[in-house]
């Protein structure tokens, strides 16, 4: 019998436990801080599938890391170069 192996597929939808781990936190911390996270724009669980979209989490982290406005590297470089 020739059995096909299931190819490895990186999952995009994470459980709450996986989401907490992805953020480097415990599931208890994630549960305790969920409302505050949502207030800051953290993605809500997806309807129907009930997990968290990893790409949406990455997008949220990117926005959080650079502030609400995209950082203009060209303008910053020009300003620094011109004193």
Protein backbone atom coordinates (compact mmCIF):
# COMPACT_ATOMS: atom_id res chain seq x y z
CA UNK A 1 0.00 0.00 0.00
CA UNK A 2 1.39 3.37 -1.03
CA UNK A 3 0.52 6.03 1.56
CA UNK A 4 1.04 9.66 0.72
CA UNK A 5 2.53 11.80 3.41
CA UNK A 6 0.76 14.97 4.34
CA UNK A 7 3.00 17.89 3.37
CA UNK A 8 4.15 20.23 6.11
CA UNK A 9 2.04 23.35 6.10
CA UNK A 10 2.76 26.20 8.46
CA UNK A 11 -0.52 26.98 10.15
CA UNK A 12 -1.76 30.55 9.95
CA UNK A 13 -4.57 30.22 12.49
CA UNK A 14 -3.33 29.85 16.07
CA UNK A 15 -5.16 28.72 19.19
CA UNK A 16 -5.18 31.00 22.23
CA UNK A 17 -2.43 28.85 23.78
CA UNK A 18 -0.30 29.12 20.62
CA UNK A 19 -1.00 32.85 20.38
CA UNK A 20 0.18 33.36 23.95
CA UNK A 21 3.34 31.36 23.22
CA UNK A 22 3.89 33.33 20.00
CA UNK A 23 3.83 36.51 22.11
CA UNK A 24 6.23 34.94 24.61
CA UNK A 25 3.59 34.85 27.34
CA UNK A 26 1.64 32.23 29.26
CA UNK A 27 -1.96 31.39 28.42
CA UNK A 28 -2.98 32.78 31.83
CA UNK A 29 -1.28 36.10 31.05
CA UNK A 30 -2.93 36.20 27.64
CA UNK A 31 -6.37 35.52 29.14
CA UNK A 32 -5.87 38.09 31.90
CA UNK A 33 -4.73 40.78 29.44
CA UNK A 34 -6.97 39.99 26.46
CA UNK A 35 -9.29 42.99 26.93
CA UNK A 36 -6.34 45.39 27.14
CA UNK A 37 -4.80 43.79 24.05
CA UNK A 38 -8.05 44.21 22.12
CA UNK A 39 -8.23 47.87 23.20
CA UNK A 40 -4.84 48.41 21.55
CA UNK A 41 -6.03 46.85 18.29
CA UNK A 42 -4.93 43.26 18.85
CA UNK A 43 -6.89 41.05 16.44
CA UNK A 44 -9.97 39.30 17.72
CA UNK A 45 -10.38 35.56 17.16
CA UNK A 46 -11.61 34.78 13.66
CA UNK A 47 -15.28 33.97 13.27
CA UNK A 48 -16.10 30.41 12.23
CA UNK A 49 -12.57 29.00 12.74
CA UNK A 50 -12.19 30.53 16.21
CA UNK A 51 -8.44 31.03 16.23
CA UNK A 52 -6.10 33.99 15.82
CA UNK A 53 -4.71 35.01 12.43
CA UNK A 54 -0.91 34.92 12.74
CA UNK A 55 -0.47 37.50 9.96
CA UNK A 56 -2.87 39.89 11.74
CA UNK A 57 -0.84 39.43 14.93
CA UNK A 58 2.36 40.21 13.01
CA UNK A 59 0.74 43.31 11.51
CA UNK A 60 -0.35 44.45 14.99
CA UNK A 61 3.16 43.92 16.34
CA UNK A 62 4.62 45.88 13.42
CA UNK A 63 2.27 48.80 14.09
CA UNK A 64 3.00 48.64 17.80
CA UNK A 65 6.73 48.63 17.22
CA UNK A 66 6.76 51.69 15.01
CA UNK A 67 3.89 53.69 16.50
CA UNK A 68 0.65 54.48 14.74
CA UNK A 69 2.30 56.22 11.79
CA UNK A 70 4.70 54.46 9.46
CA UNK A 71 8.27 55.61 10.03
CA UNK A 72 9.73 57.61 7.16
CA UNK A 73 13.35 56.43 7.00
CA UNK A 74 14.20 58.72 4.07
CA UNK A 75 13.05 61.84 5.92
CA UNK A 76 14.88 60.78 9.09
CA UNK A 77 18.08 60.11 7.13
CA UNK A 78 17.87 63.46 5.32
CA UNK A 79 17.27 65.27 8.60
CA UNK A 80 20.19 63.51 10.29
CA UNK A 81 22.50 64.13 7.34
CA UNK A 82 21.66 67.82 7.18
CA UNK A 83 22.04 68.33 10.91
